[in-house]
Protein backbone atom coordinates (compact mmCIF):
# COMPACT_ATOMS: atom_id res chain seq x y z
CA MET A 1 58.56 28.03 6.90
CA SER A 2 56.36 24.88 7.04
CA LYS A 3 53.26 25.02 5.21
CA VAL A 4 50.45 23.52 6.91
CA LEU A 5 46.60 23.07 5.65
CA PHE A 6 43.90 23.48 8.22
CA ILE A 7 40.65 21.61 7.08
CA GLY A 8 37.51 22.16 9.28
CA LEU A 9 36.43 25.89 10.88
CA GLY A 10 34.14 25.58 13.54
CA THR A 11 33.77 26.32 17.09
CA MET A 12 37.68 24.76 17.95
CA GLY A 13 38.93 24.88 14.56
CA PHE A 14 38.53 28.76 13.64
CA PRO A 15 40.88 29.75 16.52
CA MET A 16 43.27 26.97 16.49
CA ALA A 17 44.33 27.30 13.13
CA GLY A 18 44.27 31.44 14.03
CA HIS A 19 46.87 30.28 16.65
CA LEU A 20 48.66 28.48 14.25
CA SER A 21 49.28 31.24 11.24
CA LYS A 22 51.70 33.54 14.01
CA HIS A 23 54.07 30.33 13.34
CA TYR A 24 53.68 28.83 10.01
CA ASP A 25 52.45 29.56 6.61
CA VAL A 26 48.48 28.39 6.81
CA THR A 27 45.76 27.48 4.16
CA VAL A 28 42.36 26.71 5.43
CA TYR A 29 39.78 24.95 3.70
CA ASN A 30 36.14 24.55 5.07
CA ARG A 31 33.05 22.94 3.56
CA THR A 32 31.38 26.68 3.58
CA ASN A 33 33.66 28.71 2.03
CA LYS A 34 31.89 31.65 3.95
CA LYS A 35 33.88 30.57 7.06
CA SER A 36 37.49 30.35 5.02
CA LEU A 37 36.60 33.81 4.06
CA GLU A 38 35.80 35.41 7.68
CA TRP A 39 38.77 33.61 8.66
CA ALA A 40 41.12 34.76 6.23
CA SER A 41 40.02 38.19 7.00
CA LYS A 42 40.48 37.55 10.77
CA TYR A 43 44.14 35.67 10.57
CA ASN A 44 47.35 35.86 7.84
CA GLY A 45 46.68 33.12 5.73
CA SER A 46 44.94 31.85 2.54
CA TYR A 47 42.25 29.76 1.88
CA ILE A 48 41.06 27.23 -0.69
CA GLU A 49 38.06 26.42 -1.98
CA SER A 50 38.09 23.03 -2.86
CA LEU A 51 40.47 19.96 -1.48
CA SER A 52 41.30 19.55 -4.91
CA GLN A 53 43.27 22.94 -4.81
CA ILE A 54 45.74 21.37 -2.71
CA ASN A 55 48.07 20.01 -5.35
CA HIS A 56 51.24 18.44 -3.22
CA LYS A 57 51.93 21.98 -1.35
CA PHE A 58 51.85 21.13 2.26
CA ASP A 59 54.10 19.88 4.97
CA PHE A 60 50.97 19.05 7.39
CA VAL A 61 47.61 18.80 7.21
CA ILE A 62 45.44 18.95 10.34
CA SER A 63 41.81 18.85 10.53
CA CYS A 64 38.95 18.65 12.90
CA VAL A 65 35.78 17.61 11.83
CA GLY A 66 32.43 16.43 12.73
CA ASN A 67 32.43 12.76 12.62
CA ASP A 68 33.58 9.43 11.02
CA ASP A 69 32.04 9.81 7.80
CA ASP A 70 33.40 13.52 7.71
CA LEU A 71 37.02 12.50 8.34
CA VAL A 72 36.63 9.66 5.55
CA GLU A 73 35.66 11.80 2.89
CA ILE A 74 38.23 14.51 3.09
CA THR A 75 40.96 12.14 3.55
CA THR A 76 40.37 8.27 1.62
CA SER A 77 37.49 9.01 -0.46
CA GLU A 78 38.00 9.81 -4.12
CA ASN A 79 37.69 13.52 -3.56
CA GLY A 80 39.61 13.22 -0.55
CA CYS A 81 43.24 14.93 0.12
CA PHE A 82 45.28 11.61 0.58
CA HIS A 83 45.69 11.62 -3.20
CA GLN A 84 47.28 15.26 -3.16
CA LEU A 85 49.84 14.79 -0.68
CA ASN A 86 53.25 14.31 -1.22
CA GLU A 87 55.08 11.46 0.76
CA GLN A 88 56.00 11.92 4.37
CA THR A 89 53.01 14.52 4.88
CA ILE A 90 52.12 14.39 8.37
CA TYR A 91 48.36 14.14 9.01
CA ILE A 92 47.22 15.76 12.23
CA ASP A 93 43.44 14.54 12.94
CA HIS A 94 41.82 16.92 15.91
CA SER A 95 38.47 15.22 15.16
CA THR A 96 36.70 12.60 17.75
CA VAL A 97 35.72 9.49 15.81
CA SER A 98 36.06 6.05 16.68
CA PRO A 99 39.46 4.34 16.96
CA LYS A 100 38.30 1.63 14.52
CA ILE A 101 38.09 4.55 11.63
CA VAL A 102 41.56 6.19 12.69
CA ARG A 103 43.17 2.98 12.15
CA LEU A 104 41.42 1.97 8.92
CA ILE A 105 42.75 5.51 7.74
CA GLY A 106 46.08 5.02 9.64
CA ASP A 107 46.40 1.91 7.20
CA GLU A 108 45.40 3.67 4.35
CA ALA A 109 47.88 6.65 5.09
CA LYS A 110 50.49 3.93 4.91
CA LYS A 111 49.78 2.82 1.68
CA ASN A 112 50.41 6.65 0.36
CA ASN A 113 53.49 6.87 2.18
CA ILE A 114 51.43 9.48 4.59
CA TYR A 115 52.16 9.16 8.63
CA PHE A 116 48.46 9.93 10.27
CA LEU A 117 47.99 10.81 13.71
CA ASP A 118 44.89 10.48 15.63
CA ALA A 119 45.12 13.40 18.16
CA PRO A 120 41.70 14.47 19.84
CA ILE A 121 41.18 17.11 21.96
CA SER A 122 39.59 18.65 24.71
CA GLY A 123 39.35 22.12 26.62
CA GLY A 124 36.46 23.59 24.83
CA GLU A 125 35.71 26.51 23.31
CA LEU A 126 37.58 28.32 26.07
CA GLY A 127 40.74 26.07 25.35
CA ALA A 128 40.98 26.53 21.52
CA VAL A 129 40.64 30.31 22.22
CA ASN A 130 43.48 30.51 24.65
CA GLY A 131 45.79 28.18 23.28
CA ALA A 132 45.78 25.98 26.02
CA LEU A 133 44.19 22.46 24.93
CA SER A 134 44.44 19.14 26.41
CA ILE A 135 45.79 16.95 22.95
CA MET A 136 45.97 13.26 23.26
CA VAL A 137 48.07 11.51 20.08
CA GLY A 138 48.02 8.22 18.82
CA GLY A 139 50.11 7.20 15.73
CA SER A 140 53.99 6.37 15.25
CA ILE A 141 55.95 8.23 17.63
CA GLU A 142 58.51 9.56 14.89
CA PRO A 143 55.98 12.04 13.27
CA PHE A 144 54.62 12.89 16.65
CA LYS A 145 58.06 14.11 17.44
CA ILE A 146 58.13 16.34 14.86
CA ALA A 147 54.29 17.69 15.02
CA GLU A 148 54.76 18.22 18.40
CA ARG A 149 56.12 21.98 17.53
CA VAL A 150 53.15 22.12 15.61
CA LEU A 151 50.70 21.16 18.33
CA LYS A 152 52.70 23.52 20.62
CA SER A 153 50.51 26.63 18.71
CA TYR A 154 47.39 25.42 20.61
CA GLY A 155 48.92 23.00 23.16
CA LYS A 156 49.09 23.16 26.85
CA LYS A 157 49.57 19.69 27.40
CA ILE A 158 50.43 17.09 24.47
CA LYS A 159 50.61 13.82 25.34
CA TYR A 160 51.68 10.79 23.14
CA MET A 161 49.57 7.76 24.29
CA GLY A 162 50.91 4.99 22.10
CA GLU A 163 49.73 3.08 18.44
CA SER A 164 46.92 4.26 16.08
CA GLY A 165 43.86 4.84 17.96
CA SER A 166 45.36 5.35 21.26
CA GLY A 167 44.34 8.86 20.85
CA GLN A 168 40.68 8.34 20.15
CA LEU A 169 40.66 5.62 23.26
CA THR A 170 42.31 8.33 25.67
CA LYS A 171 39.32 10.90 24.73
CA ILE A 172 36.55 7.97 25.54
CA ILE A 173 38.07 8.14 28.79
CA ASN A 174 37.94 12.11 28.58
CA GLN A 175 34.28 11.94 27.91
CA VAL A 176 33.02 9.35 30.20
CA CYS A 177 34.66 11.35 32.78
CA ILE A 178 32.82 14.78 31.74
CA ALA A 179 29.49 13.11 31.66
CA GLY A 180 29.87 12.18 35.31
CA LEU A 181 31.02 15.65 36.42
CA VAL A 182 28.61 17.48 34.60
CA GLN A 183 25.67 15.34 35.86
CA GLY A 184 26.80 16.03 39.35
CA LEU A 185 27.63 19.48 39.26
CA SER A 186 24.20 20.00 37.60
CA GLU A 187 22.69 18.51 40.84
CA ALA A 188 24.68 20.40 43.12
CA VAL A 189 24.05 23.48 41.72
CA TYR A 190 20.50 22.47 41.39
CA PHE A 191 21.04 21.79 45.32
CA MET A 192 22.66 25.10 45.80
CA LYS A 193 19.45 27.27 44.47
CA ASN A 194 17.74 25.77 47.34
CA THR A 195 19.41 27.38 49.63
CA ASN A 196 20.32 31.05 50.60
CA LEU A 197 24.14 30.72 49.65
CA ASP A 198 26.29 32.60 47.45
CA ALA A 199 27.62 31.42 44.40
CA ASP A 200 30.89 32.96 44.38
CA ASP A 201 31.35 32.15 48.01
CA VAL A 202 30.33 28.28 47.24
CA LEU A 203 32.96 28.23 44.26
CA ASP A 204 35.45 29.67 46.32
CA VAL A 205 35.91 27.58 49.18
CA ILE A 206 34.98 23.94 47.08
CA SER A 207 37.27 24.95 44.16
CA SER A 208 40.20 24.76 46.81
CA GLY A 209 39.24 21.14 48.26
CA ALA A 210 38.49 18.04 46.76
CA ALA A 211 35.98 18.69 44.40
CA GLN A 212 37.31 21.15 42.04
CA SER A 213 37.45 20.45 38.50
CA TRP A 214 37.49 22.60 35.51
CA GLN A 215 34.16 21.85 34.90
CA LEU A 216 33.53 23.50 38.85
CA ASP A 217 35.74 25.97 38.00
CA ASN A 218 34.43 27.32 33.89
CA ARG A 219 30.68 26.18 34.58
CA LEU A 220 29.76 27.13 37.89
CA LYS A 221 28.75 30.48 37.37
CA THR A 222 27.49 30.19 33.96
CA MET A 223 24.97 27.04 35.38
CA VAL A 224 23.55 29.42 37.80
CA GLU A 225 23.50 32.45 35.08
CA ASP A 226 21.80 29.83 33.05
CA LYS A 227 23.71 30.74 30.09
CA TYR A 228 24.52 27.54 27.82
CA ASP A 229 25.05 29.14 24.39
CA PHE A 230 29.07 27.76 23.83
CA GLY A 231 30.94 25.36 24.45
CA PHE A 232 30.51 22.05 23.65
CA ALA A 233 27.17 20.87 22.30
CA VAL A 234 24.82 18.62 23.50
CA ASP A 235 24.51 16.97 19.81
CA LEU A 236 28.34 16.41 19.79
CA MET A 237 28.62 14.88 23.42
CA ARG A 238 26.01 12.53 22.42
CA LYS A 239 27.93 11.57 19.56
CA ASP A 240 30.95 10.72 21.29
CA LEU A 241 29.37 9.00 23.88
CA GLY A 242 28.00 6.58 20.95
CA ILE A 243 31.72 6.11 20.03
CA ALA A 244 31.83 5.23 24.32
CA PHE A 245 29.67 2.91 24.08
CA ASP A 246 30.73 1.17 20.80
CA GLN A 247 33.89 0.69 21.92
CA ALA A 248 32.82 -0.66 25.51
CA ALA A 249 30.84 -3.28 24.05
CA GLU A 250 33.97 -4.72 22.06
CA PHE A 251 35.49 -4.40 25.09
CA GLY A 252 32.36 -6.35 26.49
CA ILE A 253 32.27 -4.03 29.24
CA ASN A 254 28.98 -1.63 31.00
CA LEU A 255 29.01 2.07 31.48
CA GLU A 256 26.05 2.31 33.43
CA ILE A 257 26.17 5.55 34.96
CA THR A 258 27.36 7.01 31.62
CA LYS A 259 25.23 5.63 29.73
CA ILE A 260 21.97 7.07 32.69
CA VAL A 261 23.72 10.43 31.53
CA ASP A 262 23.26 9.45 28.03
CA GLN A 263 19.72 9.71 28.12
CA PHE A 264 19.69 12.88 30.07
CA TYR A 265 21.05 14.92 27.43
CA ALA A 266 18.28 12.36 25.32
CA GLU A 267 16.07 14.83 26.85
CA LEU A 268 17.70 17.42 26.27
CA GLN A 269 17.61 16.83 22.61
CA LYS A 270 13.25 16.49 22.66
CA MET A 271 13.45 19.75 24.67
CA GLY A 272 15.19 21.29 21.72
CA HIS A 273 18.39 21.86 23.23
CA ASN A 274 20.91 20.22 20.89
CA LYS A 275 23.01 23.53 20.26
CA LEU A 276 23.48 24.21 24.30
CA ASP A 277 26.64 23.41 25.56
CA THR A 278 26.58 19.64 27.64
CA SER A 279 26.41 22.03 31.25
CA SER A 280 22.59 22.50 30.43
CA LEU A 281 21.99 19.04 31.80
CA LEU A 282 20.98 21.72 34.86
CA LYS A 283 17.43 22.56 32.40
CA ARG A 284 16.14 19.22 32.84
CA LEU A 285 16.20 19.84 36.67
CA THR A 286 15.05 23.33 36.71
CA ASP A 287 12.55 24.27 33.39
């Protein structure tokens, strides 16, 4: 049985590592040890308290962390895990970070004869819990073919996108789409609240037409109920859109509507809604 180390037990990582434990010998690591203890009490697996305990034990290392700096810290820094992995270990990163940083880390991985795949995910907390995520992968095709069976533990759609950084470029497109969709949905719900229409009836009929989307199917009801204490946080969306704007600047293009929506999210942050789901854009209109 392959040995897998999973780093980062956040909203997404915690259930993803749980799915892995059904098929592989899984060890987890989290910066706060309390989360590791919680995971080990719920799932079949073990934990380490420090990356220094890796000691060349694993066939696969998978991470899901917050930003570029976090990823550098756990991989290529002085205390990172690259120094403790066997040659030909496959490292899969599910974080949403900049294409530039994954290329740099990918280059360092090559120097250590480690395979590095950037494999950001989409599908939200619900997708992680249900093991139904969409995974977009960049890197060399050979390690991808080996890693695909591991990714199937929590991935519904797994797609190889090309060279290193291609996964992150695809995730940028994903986030730009979401930003526009959620703002449109917020205005639609705001409009609906000013009618006498039944929300369930509205969802039933328009979800079968051209307006159908994941956001519509999974967020309209919770937005009507003013529930946002779950899902993908506003702070994280702003971080992701910042990556999108940086990359767009490199391409010399302007993401006009996305920039407007980003400022709406900035307003939510000023209102103290940093940790609410991205669908809380509606609160700008109703509060």
